[in-house]
Amino acid sequence: MKTTNKTQKKSRKKIVPEELNTVSGGSDKSGPQTGAVAPRSSPRIRVVFRDKP
C-alpha cells in the first residue's frame, strides 16, 4: 500500500512539470505576451495540486 501511495504522488508531481513545459513552449512561439502569463499561471497550478493531496 505504501508503494502505491508513493507512485500516485510521483505521478501527480510529474503532471505539474509537464504542464509547465507546455506553457513554456507556447511562450517561446507566441513571445513575451504568453511569457508574462506563464509565471502567473505556474504558481496557481502548483497551489491547486498541493490543495488536492
PDB file of N, CA and C in Angstrom:
ATOM      1  N   MET A   1       0.842  -1.206   0.000  1.00  0.00           N
ATOM      2  CA  MET A   1       0.000   0.000   0.000  1.00  0.00           C
ATOM      3  C   MET A   1       0.877   1.257   0.000  1.00  0.00           C
ATOM      4  N   LYS A   2       1.952   1.254   0.785  1.00  0.00           N
ATOM      5  CA  LYS A   2       2.809   2.447   0.837  1.00  0.00           C
ATOM      6  C   LYS A   2       3.431   2.732  -0.532  1.00  0.00           C
ATOM      7  N   THR A   3       3.860   1.664  -1.219  1.00  0.00           N
ATOM      8  CA  THR A   3       4.492   1.876  -2.528  1.00  0.00           C
ATOM      9  C   THR A   3       3.480   2.480  -3.508  1.00  0.00           C
ATOM     10  N   THR A   4       2.225   2.015  -3.478  1.00  0.00           N
ATOM     11  CA  THR A   4       1.213   2.551  -4.396  1.00  0.00           C
ATOM     12  C   THR A   4       0.984   4.033  -4.101  1.00  0.00           C
ATOM     13  N   ASN A   5       0.936   4.410  -2.824  1.00  0.00           N
ATOM     14  CA  ASN A   5       0.728   5.820  -2.488  1.00  0.00           C
ATOM     15  C   ASN A   5       1.880   6.666  -3.023  1.00  0.00           C
ATOM     16  N   LYS A   6       3.114   6.170  -2.898  1.00  0.00           N
ATOM     17  CA  LYS A   6       4.265   6.938  -3.386  1.00  0.00           C
ATOM     18  C   LYS A   6       4.190   7.108  -4.901  1.00  0.00           C
ATOM     19  N   THR A   7       3.813   6.039  -5.602  1.00  0.00           N
ATOM     20  CA  THR A   7       3.740   6.136  -7.063  1.00  0.00           C
ATOM     21  C   THR A   7       2.673   7.148  -7.469  1.00  0.00           C
ATOM     22  N   GLN A   8       1.537   7.166  -6.771  1.00  0.00           N
ATOM     23  CA  GLN A   8       0.482   8.125  -7.108  1.00  0.00           C
ATOM     24  C   GLN A   8       0.986   9.553  -6.901  1.00  0.00           C
ATOM     25  N   LYS A   9       1.695   9.816  -5.791  1.00  0.00           N
ATOM     26  CA  LYS A   9       2.208  11.163  -5.545  1.00  0.00           C
ATOM     27  C   LYS A   9       3.219  11.549  -6.627  1.00  0.00           C
ATOM     28  N   LYS A  10       4.089  10.611  -7.010  1.00  0.00           N
ATOM     29  CA  LYS A  10       5.081  10.916  -8.049  1.00  0.00           C
ATOM     30  C   LYS A  10       4.377  11.230  -9.368  1.00  0.00           C
ATOM     31  N   SER A  11       3.334  10.467  -9.697  1.00  0.00           N
ATOM     32  CA  SER A  11       2.623  10.703 -10.961  1.00  0.00           C
ATOM     33  C   SER A  11       2.021  12.104 -10.957  1.00  0.00           C
ATOM     34  N   ARG A  12       1.476  12.544  -9.822  1.00  0.00           N
ATOM     35  CA  ARG A  12       0.907  13.892  -9.760  1.00  0.00           C
ATOM     36  C   ARG A  12       2.009  14.932  -9.922  1.00  0.00           C
ATOM     37  N   LYS A  13       3.167  14.700  -9.313  1.00  0.00           N
ATOM     38  CA  LYS A  13       4.271  15.656  -9.435  1.00  0.00           C
ATOM     39  C   LYS A  13       4.741  15.745 -10.888  1.00  0.00           C
ATOM     40  N   LYS A  14       4.730  14.612 -11.596  1.00  0.00           N
ATOM     41  CA  LYS A  14       5.168  14.628 -12.997  1.00  0.00           C
ATOM     42  C   LYS A  14       4.205  15.457 -13.846  1.00  0.00           C
ATOM     43  N   ILE A  15       2.925  15.461 -13.505  1.00  0.00           N
ATOM     44  CA  ILE A  15       1.933  16.211 -14.299  1.00  0.00           C
ATOM     45  C   ILE A  15       2.239  17.712 -14.227  1.00  0.00           C
ATOM     46  N   VAL A  16       2.678  18.199 -13.075  1.00  0.00           N
ATOM     47  CA  VAL A  16       2.924  19.646 -12.932  1.00  0.00           C
ATOM     48  C   VAL A  16       4.026  20.109 -13.881  1.00  0.00           C
ATOM     49  N   PRO A  17       5.223  19.474 -13.893  1.00  0.00           N
ATOM     50  CA  PRO A  17       6.272  19.934 -14.809  1.00  0.00           C
ATOM     51  C   PRO A  17       5.861  19.796 -16.268  1.00  0.00           C
ATOM     52  N   GLU A  18       5.057  18.785 -16.589  1.00  0.00           N
ATOM     53  CA  GLU A  18       4.620  18.631 -17.987  1.00  0.00           C
ATOM     54  C   GLU A  18       3.795  19.844 -18.408  1.00  0.00           C
ATOM     55  N   GLU A  19       2.888  20.300 -17.536  1.00  0.00           N
ATOM     56  CA  GLU A  19       2.075  21.472 -17.872  1.00  0.00           C
ATOM     57  C   GLU A  19       2.971  22.700 -17.996  1.00  0.00           C
ATOM     58  N   LEU A  20       3.948  22.824 -17.096  1.00  0.00           N
ATOM     59  CA  LEU A  20       4.850  23.981 -17.163  1.00  0.00           C
ATOM     60  C   LEU A  20       5.633  23.943 -18.476  1.00  0.00           C
ATOM     61  N   ASN A  21       6.034  22.747 -18.911  1.00  0.00           N
ATOM     62  CA  ASN A  21       6.782  22.647 -20.171  1.00  0.00           C
ATOM     63  C   ASN A  21       5.909  23.093 -21.342  1.00  0.00           C
ATOM     64  N   THR A  22       4.651  22.697 -21.347  1.00  0.00           N
ATOM     65  CA  THR A  22       3.758  23.101 -22.437  1.00  0.00           C
ATOM     66  C   THR A  22       3.592  24.618 -22.424  1.00  0.00           C
ATOM     67  N   VAL A  23       3.451  25.210 -21.244  1.00  0.00           N
ATOM     68  CA  VAL A  23       3.289  26.672 -21.160  1.00  0.00           C
ATOM     69  C   VAL A  23       4.554  27.357 -21.666  1.00  0.00           C
ATOM     70  N   SER A  24       5.723  26.851 -21.273  1.00  0.00           N
ATOM     71  CA  SER A  24       6.980  27.468 -21.714  1.00  0.00           C
ATOM     72  C   SER A  24       7.114  27.344 -23.230  1.00  0.00           C
ATOM     73  N   GLY A  25       6.714  26.203 -23.791  1.00  0.00           N
ATOM     74  CA  GLY A  25       6.801  26.033 -25.244  1.00  0.00           C
ATOM     75  C   GLY A  25       5.913  27.045 -25.955  1.00  0.00           C
ATOM     76  N   GLY A  26       4.706  27.268 -25.418  1.00  0.00           N
ATOM     77  CA  GLY A  26       3.821  28.255 -26.027  1.00  0.00           C
ATOM     78  C   GLY A  26       4.424  29.653 -25.931  1.00  0.00           C
ATOM     79  N   SER A  27       5.084  29.954 -24.798  1.00  0.00           N
ATOM     80  CA  SER A  27       5.675  31.287 -24.628  1.00  0.00           C
ATOM     81  C   SER A  27       6.778  31.498 -25.673  1.00  0.00           C
ATOM     82  N   ASP A  28       7.535  30.432 -25.987  1.00  0.00           N
ATOM     83  CA  ASP A  28       8.607  30.579 -26.986  1.00  0.00           C
ATOM     84  C   ASP A  28       8.018  30.936 -28.355  1.00  0.00           C
ATOM     85  N   LYS A  29       6.864  30.343 -28.694  1.00  0.00           N
ATOM     86  CA  LYS A  29       6.266  30.602 -30.018  1.00  0.00           C
ATOM     87  C   LYS A  29       5.546  31.955 -30.030  1.00  0.00           C
ATOM     88  N   SER A  30       4.713  32.201 -29.017  1.00  0.00           N
ATOM     89  CA  SER A  30       3.908  33.426 -29.011  1.00  0.00           C
ATOM     90  C   SER A  30       4.775  34.643 -28.697  1.00  0.00           C
ATOM     91  N   GLY A  31       5.710  34.514 -27.761  1.00  0.00           N
ATOM     92  CA  GLY A  31       6.570  35.651 -27.439  1.00  0.00           C
ATOM     93  C   GLY A  31       6.413  36.093 -25.995  1.00  0.00           C
ATOM     94  N   PRO A  32       6.675  37.357 -25.713  1.00  0.00           N
ATOM     95  CA  PRO A  32       6.662  37.852 -24.329  1.00  0.00           C
ATOM     96  C   PRO A  32       5.260  37.881 -23.730  1.00  0.00           C
ATOM     97  N   GLN A  33       4.215  37.935 -24.558  1.00  0.00           N
ATOM     98  CA  GLN A  33       2.853  38.008 -24.018  1.00  0.00           C
ATOM     99  C   GLN A  33       2.551  36.768 -23.177  1.00  0.00           C
ATOM    100  N   THR A  34       2.747  35.566 -23.753  1.00  0.00           N
ATOM    101  CA  THR A  34       2.500  34.343 -23.002  1.00  0.00           C
ATOM    102  C   THR A  34       3.548  34.191 -21.894  1.00  0.00           C
ATOM    103  N   GLY A  35       4.753  34.708 -22.127  1.00  0.00           N
ATOM    104  CA  GLY A  35       5.801  34.621 -21.107  1.00  0.00           C
ATOM    105  C   GLY A  35       5.344  35.284 -19.816  1.00  0.00           C
ATOM    106  N   ALA A  36       4.616  36.402 -19.945  1.00  0.00           N
ATOM    107  CA  ALA A  36       4.124  37.085 -18.752  1.00  0.00           C
ATOM    108  C   ALA A  36       3.012  36.262 -18.099  1.00  0.00           C
ATOM    109  N   VAL A  37       2.247  35.536 -18.923  1.00  0.00           N
ATOM    110  CA  VAL A  37       1.146  34.734 -18.378  1.00  0.00           C
ATOM    111  C   VAL A  37       1.684  33.464 -17.720  1.00  0.00           C
ATOM    112  N   ALA A  38       2.770  32.916 -18.252  1.00  0.00           N
ATOM    113  CA  ALA A  38       3.302  31.651 -17.741  1.00  0.00           C
ATOM    114  C   ALA A  38       3.636  31.739 -16.248  1.00  0.00           C
ATOM    115  N   PRO A  39       4.429  32.728 -15.795  1.00  0.00           N
ATOM    116  CA  PRO A  39       4.775  32.790 -14.371  1.00  0.00           C
ATOM    117  C   PRO A  39       3.544  32.961 -13.490  1.00  0.00           C
ATOM    118  N   ARG A  40       2.516  33.632 -14.004  1.00  0.00           N
ATOM    119  CA  ARG A  40       1.304  33.807 -13.191  1.00  0.00           C
ATOM    120  C   ARG A  40       0.530  32.498 -13.091  1.00  0.00           C
ATOM    121  N   SER A  41       0.449  31.744 -14.192  1.00  0.00           N
ATOM    122  CA  SER A  41      -0.336  30.509 -14.191  1.00  0.00           C
ATOM    123  C   SER A  41       0.414  29.381 -13.468  1.00  0.00           C
ATOM    124  N   SER A  42       1.746  29.349 -13.570  1.00  0.00           N
ATOM    125  CA  SER A  42       2.504  28.244 -12.973  1.00  0.00           C
ATOM    126  C   SER A  42       2.296  28.160 -11.459  1.00  0.00           C
ATOM    127  N   PRO A  43       2.410  29.253 -10.687  1.00  0.00           N
ATOM    128  CA  PRO A  43       2.201  29.130  -9.237  1.00  0.00           C
ATOM    129  C   PRO A  43       0.772  28.717  -8.906  1.00  0.00           C
ATOM    130  N   ARG A  44      -0.197  29.175  -9.692  1.00  0.00           N
ATOM    131  CA  ARG A  44      -1.583  28.774  -9.422  1.00  0.00           C
ATOM    132  C   ARG A  44      -1.741  27.272  -9.615  1.00  0.00           C
ATOM    133  N   ILE A  45      -1.138  26.714 -10.662  1.00  0.00           N
ATOM    134  CA  ILE A  45      -1.233  25.272 -10.913  1.00  0.00           C
ATOM    135  C   ILE A  45      -0.628  24.504  -9.736  1.00  0.00           C
ATOM    136  N   ARG A  46       0.527  24.972  -9.246  1.00  0.00           N
ATOM    137  CA  ARG A  46       1.177  24.270  -8.130  1.00  0.00           C
ATOM    138  C   ARG A  46       0.288  24.312  -6.896  1.00  0.00           C
ATOM    139  N   VAL A  47      -0.343  25.452  -6.634  1.00  0.00           N
ATOM    140  CA  VAL A  47      -1.206  25.570  -5.455  1.00  0.00           C
ATOM    141  C   VAL A  47      -2.388  24.610  -5.564  1.00  0.00           C
ATOM    142  N   VAL A  48      -2.968  24.495  -6.755  1.00  0.00           N
ATOM    143  CA  VAL A  48      -4.130  23.617  -6.928  1.00  0.00           C
ATOM    144  C   VAL A  48      -3.739  22.174  -6.630  1.00  0.00           C
ATOM    145  N   PHE A  49      -2.588  21.725  -7.160  1.00  0.00           N
ATOM    146  CA  PHE A  49      -2.171  20.346  -6.919  1.00  0.00           C
ATOM    147  C   PHE A  49      -1.845  20.132  -5.443  1.00  0.00           C
ATOM    148  N   ARG A  50      -1.302  21.154  -4.770  1.00  0.00           N
ATOM    149  CA  ARG A  50      -0.991  21.000  -3.344  1.00  0.00           C
ATOM    150  C   ARG A  50      -2.276  20.905  -2.531  1.00  0.00           C
ATOM    151  N   ASP A  51      -3.332  21.613  -2.950  1.00  0.00           N
ATOM    152  CA  ASP A  51      -4.582  21.577  -2.194  1.00  0.00           C
ATOM    153  C   ASP A  51      -5.250  20.201  -2.307  1.00  0.00           C
ATOM    154  N   LYS A  52      -5.166  19.553  -3.473  1.00  0.00           N
ATOM    155  CA  LYS A  52      -5.841  18.264  -3.656  1.00  0.00           C
ATOM    156  C   LYS A  52      -5.252  17.181  -2.743  1.00  0.00           C
ATOM    157  N   PRO A  53      -3.930  16.935  -2.759  1.00  0.00           N
ATOM    158  CA  PRO A  53      -3.375  15.880  -1.897  1.00  0.00           C
ATOM    159  C   PRO A  53      -3.332  16.343  -0.443  1.00  0.00           C
TER     160      PRO A  53
END
